[in-house]
Amino acid sequence: MDANRALRWAVYYVALAAVATLLGGALVGASWAVGLGPGYDQFADGASLSAALTTAAPGLALALLGVVLWAVGCVAAFVWVFTAAVEEQMRERFDSEKVKSEILSVLDDRLVDVERDVSEVRRKFDEMKREEVAEEFEFGQQN
């Protein structure tokens, strides 16, 4: 793969991973407003840990969802970009017409070899038949 294509695929990956990061980060940021911020404030004001966790639970769930979205998005971006790049490279490297042509060339060579072997066997067989016919006549001998 040349440098231009590799750079193009790298930019695609970075762009897709950035989208996943922004979406995951947005959910983590929203989790602060939904529950983590008020739960922290409660805990800082001296509320019990269980009361602060109860207040922060929706925010924790949203933050966890954001982290999962970021992780899955980055992995999905990598898998998509990697498979697309490999498919592009394989299409270029293994052109079906080129493969067909190479197979036909090998088969033609083998067919020529087989034809040559058949003609050699036929020639030897004809030679043997002539020798048998010549032996039957026994020239120069009289009874």
C-alpha atoms as a PDB file:
ATOM      1  CA  MET A   1       0.000   0.000   0.000  1.00  0.00           C
ATOM      2  CA  ASP A   2       1.412   3.363  -0.932  1.00  0.00           C
ATOM      3  CA  ALA A   3       1.802   6.234   1.516  1.00  0.00           C
ATOM      4  CA  ASN A   4      -1.150   8.245   0.163  1.00  0.00           C
ATOM      5  CA  ARG A   5      -3.613   5.401   0.685  1.00  0.00           C
ATOM      6  CA  ALA A   6      -2.216   4.615   4.117  1.00  0.00           C
ATOM      7  CA  LEU A   7      -2.563   8.266   5.105  1.00  0.00           C
ATOM      8  CA  ARG A   8      -6.121   8.367   3.774  1.00  0.00           C
ATOM      9  CA  TRP A   9      -7.116   5.303   5.822  1.00  0.00           C
ATOM     10  CA  ALA A  10      -5.386   6.737   8.897  1.00  0.00           C
ATOM     11  CA  VAL A  11      -7.355   9.972   8.538  1.00  0.00           C
ATOM     12  CA  TYR A  12     -10.603   7.976   8.211  1.00  0.00           C
ATOM     13  CA  TYR A  13      -9.772   6.124  11.408  1.00  0.00           C
ATOM     14  CA  VAL A  14      -8.886   9.285  13.305  1.00  0.00           C
ATOM     15  CA  ALA A  15     -12.101  10.972  12.136  1.00  0.00           C
ATOM     16  CA  LEU A  16     -14.289   8.028  13.152  1.00  0.00           C
ATOM     17  CA  ALA A  17     -12.506   7.623  16.478  1.00  0.00           C
ATOM     18  CA  ALA A  18     -12.910  11.375  17.088  1.00  0.00           C
ATOM     19  CA  VAL A  19     -16.664  11.078  16.536  1.00  0.00           C
ATOM     20  CA  ALA A  20     -16.816   8.207  19.034  1.00  0.00           C
ATOM     21  CA  THR A  21     -14.691  10.200  21.475  1.00  0.00           C
ATOM     22  CA  LEU A  22     -16.849  13.314  21.142  1.00  0.00           C
ATOM     23  CA  LEU A  23     -20.079  11.363  21.619  1.00  0.00           C
ATOM     24  CA  GLY A  24     -18.680   9.435  24.599  1.00  0.00           C
ATOM     25  CA  GLY A  25     -17.242  12.629  26.070  1.00  0.00           C
ATOM     26  CA  ALA A  26     -20.563  14.387  25.639  1.00  0.00           C
ATOM     27  CA  LEU A  27     -22.307  11.639  27.600  1.00  0.00           C
ATOM     28  CA  VAL A  28     -19.676  11.811  30.347  1.00  0.00           C
ATOM     29  CA  GLY A  29     -20.090  15.595  30.445  1.00  0.00           C
ATOM     30  CA  ALA A  30     -23.858  15.259  30.604  1.00  0.00           C
ATOM     31  CA  SER A  31     -23.479  12.763  33.430  1.00  0.00           C
ATOM     32  CA  TRP A  32     -21.955  15.519  35.560  1.00  0.00           C
ATOM     33  CA  ALA A  33     -25.035  17.670  35.115  1.00  0.00           C
ATOM     34  CA  VAL A  34     -27.472  14.760  35.544  1.00  0.00           C
ATOM     35  CA  GLY A  35     -26.146  13.247  38.729  1.00  0.00           C
ATOM     36  CA  LEU A  36     -22.440  13.355  39.409  1.00  0.00           C
ATOM     37  CA  GLY A  37     -22.358  17.095  40.164  1.00  0.00           C
ATOM     38  CA  PRO A  38     -25.247  17.109  42.639  1.00  0.00           C
ATOM     39  CA  GLY A  39     -24.003  13.869  44.233  1.00  0.00           C
ATOM     40  CA  TYR A  40     -20.525  15.377  44.699  1.00  0.00           C
ATOM     41  CA  ASP A  41     -22.015  18.534  46.173  1.00  0.00           C
ATOM     42  CA  GLN A  42     -24.085  16.467  48.616  1.00  0.00           C
ATOM     43  CA  PHE A  43     -21.051  14.461  49.665  1.00  0.00           C
ATOM     44  CA  ALA A  44     -18.946  17.620  50.028  1.00  0.00           C
ATOM     45  CA  ASP A  45     -21.651  19.152  52.253  1.00  0.00           C
ATOM     46  CA  GLY A  46     -21.384  16.192  54.612  1.00  0.00           C
ATOM     47  CA  ALA A  47     -24.142  13.871  53.381  1.00  0.00           C
ATOM     48  CA  SER A  48     -23.626  10.153  53.766  1.00  0.00           C
ATOM     49  CA  LEU A  49     -21.934   8.178  50.997  1.00  0.00           C
ATOM     50  CA  SER A  50     -25.069   6.141  50.276  1.00  0.00           C
ATOM     51  CA  ALA A  51     -27.178   9.298  49.872  1.00  0.00           C
ATOM     52  CA  ALA A  52     -24.559  10.861  47.564  1.00  0.00           C
ATOM     53  CA  LEU A  53     -24.325   7.645  45.495  1.00  0.00           C
ATOM     54  CA  THR A  54     -28.111   7.493  45.207  1.00  0.00           C
ATOM     55  CA  THR A  55     -28.133  11.037  43.849  1.00  0.00           C
ATOM     56  CA  ALA A  56     -25.179  10.328  41.542  1.00  0.00           C
ATOM     57  CA  ALA A  57     -26.482   6.956  40.224  1.00  0.00           C
ATOM     58  CA  PRO A  58     -28.074   8.303  37.015  1.00  0.00           C
ATOM     59  CA  GLY A  59     -24.895  10.269  36.316  1.00  0.00           C
ATOM     60  CA  LEU A  60     -22.719   7.224  36.948  1.00  0.00           C
ATOM     61  CA  ALA A  61     -24.844   5.167  34.563  1.00  0.00           C
ATOM     62  CA  LEU A  62     -24.619   7.877  31.916  1.00  0.00           C
ATOM     63  CA  ALA A  63     -20.833   8.188  32.415  1.00  0.00           C
ATOM     64  CA  LEU A  64     -20.459   4.415  32.089  1.00  0.00           C
ATOM     65  CA  LEU A  65     -22.548   4.528  28.912  1.00  0.00           C
ATOM     66  CA  GLY A  66     -20.267   7.285  27.579  1.00  0.00           C
ATOM     67  CA  VAL A  67     -17.133   5.263  28.290  1.00  0.00           C
ATOM     68  CA  VAL A  68     -18.650   2.165  26.668  1.00  0.00           C
ATOM     69  CA  LEU A  69     -19.722   4.210  23.641  1.00  0.00           C
ATOM     70  CA  TRP A  70     -16.202   5.612  23.309  1.00  0.00           C
ATOM     71  CA  ALA A  71     -14.533   2.191  23.603  1.00  0.00           C
ATOM     72  CA  VAL A  72     -16.918   0.405  21.240  1.00  0.00           C
ATOM     73  CA  GLY A  73     -16.835   3.309  18.785  1.00  0.00           C
ATOM     74  CA  CYS A  74     -13.038   3.338  18.630  1.00  0.00           C
ATOM     75  CA  VAL A  75     -12.867  -0.426  18.143  1.00  0.00           C
ATOM     76  CA  ALA A  76     -15.615  -0.339  15.509  1.00  0.00           C
ATOM     77  CA  ALA A  77     -13.787   2.464  13.694  1.00  0.00           C
ATOM     78  CA  PHE A  78     -10.573   0.440  13.694  1.00  0.00           C
ATOM     79  CA  VAL A  79     -12.285  -2.724  12.467  1.00  0.00           C
ATOM     80  CA  TRP A  80     -14.150  -0.883   9.719  1.00  0.00           C
ATOM     81  CA  VAL A  81     -11.089   1.012   8.486  1.00  0.00           C
ATOM     82  CA  PHE A  82      -8.788  -2.006   8.720  1.00  0.00           C
ATOM     83  CA  THR A  83     -11.127  -4.339   6.816  1.00  0.00           C
ATOM     84  CA  ALA A  84     -11.842  -1.725   4.147  1.00  0.00           C
ATOM     85  CA  ALA A  85      -8.124  -1.077   3.646  1.00  0.00           C
ATOM     86  CA  VAL A  86      -7.338  -4.786   3.417  1.00  0.00           C
ATOM     87  CA  GLU A  87     -10.201  -5.373   0.961  1.00  0.00           C
ATOM     88  CA  GLU A  88      -8.954  -2.536  -1.222  1.00  0.00           C
ATOM     89  CA  GLN A  89      -5.426  -3.922  -1.165  1.00  0.00           C
ATOM     90  CA  MET A  90      -6.592  -7.455  -1.958  1.00  0.00           C
ATOM     91  CA  ARG A  91      -8.741  -6.266  -4.873  1.00  0.00           C
ATOM     92  CA  GLU A  92      -5.707  -4.527  -6.288  1.00  0.00           C
ATOM     93  CA  ARG A  93      -3.244  -7.331  -5.633  1.00  0.00           C
ATOM     94  CA  PHE A  94      -5.419 -10.276  -6.639  1.00  0.00           C
ATOM     95  CA  ASP A  95      -7.125  -9.150  -9.799  1.00  0.00           C
ATOM     96  CA  SER A  96      -9.411 -12.003 -10.865  1.00  0.00           C
ATOM     97  CA  GLU A  97      -8.608 -11.587 -14.557  1.00  0.00           C
ATOM     98  CA  LYS A  98      -4.893 -11.781 -13.813  1.00  0.00           C
ATOM     99  CA  VAL A  99      -5.382 -14.941 -11.745  1.00  0.00           C
ATOM    100  CA  LYS A 100      -7.482 -16.512 -14.516  1.00  0.00           C
ATOM    101  CA  SER A 101      -4.824 -15.663 -17.066  1.00  0.00           C
ATOM    102  CA  GLU A 102      -2.078 -17.225 -14.954  1.00  0.00           C
ATOM    103  CA  ILE A 103      -4.126 -20.388 -14.396  1.00  0.00           C
ATOM    104  CA  LEU A 104      -4.859 -20.705 -18.109  1.00  0.00           C
ATOM    105  CA  SER A 105      -1.185 -20.240 -18.920  1.00  0.00           C
ATOM    106  CA  VAL A 106      -0.206 -23.078 -16.575  1.00  0.00           C
ATOM    107  CA  LEU A 107      -2.950 -25.303 -17.980  1.00  0.00           C
ATOM    108  CA  ASP A 108      -1.826 -24.571 -21.544  1.00  0.00           C
ATOM    109  CA  ASP A 109       1.737 -25.544 -20.638  1.00  0.00           C
ATOM    110  CA  ARG A 110       0.536 -28.792 -19.071  1.00  0.00           C
ATOM    111  CA  LEU A 111      -1.652 -29.532 -22.094  1.00  0.00           C
ATOM    112  CA  VAL A 112       1.327 -29.095 -24.425  1.00  0.00           C
ATOM    113  CA  ASP A 113       3.318 -31.510 -22.245  1.00  0.00           C
ATOM    114  CA  VAL A 114       0.509 -34.084 -22.340  1.00  0.00           C
ATOM    115  CA  GLU A 115       0.165 -33.763 -26.128  1.00  0.00           C
ATOM    116  CA  ARG A 116       3.910 -34.238 -26.498  1.00  0.00           C
ATOM    117  CA  ASP A 117       3.808 -37.342 -24.288  1.00  0.00           C
ATOM    118  CA  VAL A 118       0.867 -38.786 -26.246  1.00  0.00           C
ATOM    119  CA  SER A 119       2.611 -38.270 -29.582  1.00  0.00           C
ATOM    120  CA  GLU A 120       5.781 -39.914 -28.196  1.00  0.00           C
ATOM    121  CA  VAL A 121       3.807 -42.919 -26.979  1.00  0.00           C
ATOM    122  CA  ARG A 122       2.001 -43.155 -30.322  1.00  0.00           C
ATOM    123  CA  ARG A 123       5.332 -43.029 -32.199  1.00  0.00           C
ATOM    124  CA  LYS A 124       6.814 -45.783 -30.026  1.00  0.00           C
ATOM    125  CA  PHE A 125       3.703 -47.903 -30.413  1.00  0.00           C
ATOM    126  CA  ASP A 126       3.820 -47.561 -34.208  1.00  0.00           C
ATOM    127  CA  GLU A 127       7.527 -48.488 -34.133  1.00  0.00           C
ATOM    128  CA  MET A 128       6.759 -51.637 -32.132  1.00  0.00           C
ATOM    129  CA  LYS A 129       4.004 -52.647 -34.572  1.00  0.00           C
ATOM    130  CA  ARG A 130       6.403 -52.288 -37.512  1.00  0.00           C
ATOM    131  CA  GLU A 131       8.971 -54.468 -35.758  1.00  0.00           C
ATOM    132  CA  GLU A 132       6.350 -57.171 -35.101  1.00  0.00           C
ATOM    133  CA  VAL A 133       5.252 -57.162 -38.763  1.00  0.00           C
ATOM    134  CA  ALA A 134       8.879 -57.347 -39.919  1.00  0.00           C
ATOM    135  CA  GLU A 135       9.576 -60.323 -37.628  1.00  0.00           C
ATOM    136  CA  GLU A 136       6.583 -62.206 -39.069  1.00  0.00           C
ATOM    137  CA  PHE A 137       8.007 -62.217 -42.597  1.00  0.00           C
ATOM    138  CA  GLU A 138      11.540 -63.412 -41.744  1.00  0.00           C
ATOM    139  CA  PHE A 139      13.216 -62.230 -44.867  1.00  0.00           C
ATOM    140  CA  GLY A 140      15.990 -64.381 -46.387  1.00  0.00           C
ATOM    141  CA  GLN A 141      15.027 -67.698 -44.813  1.00  0.00           C
ATOM    142  CA  GLN A 142      13.545 -70.513 -46.848  1.00  0.00           C
ATOM    143  CA  ASN A 143      11.925 -73.705 -45.654  1.00  0.00           C
END
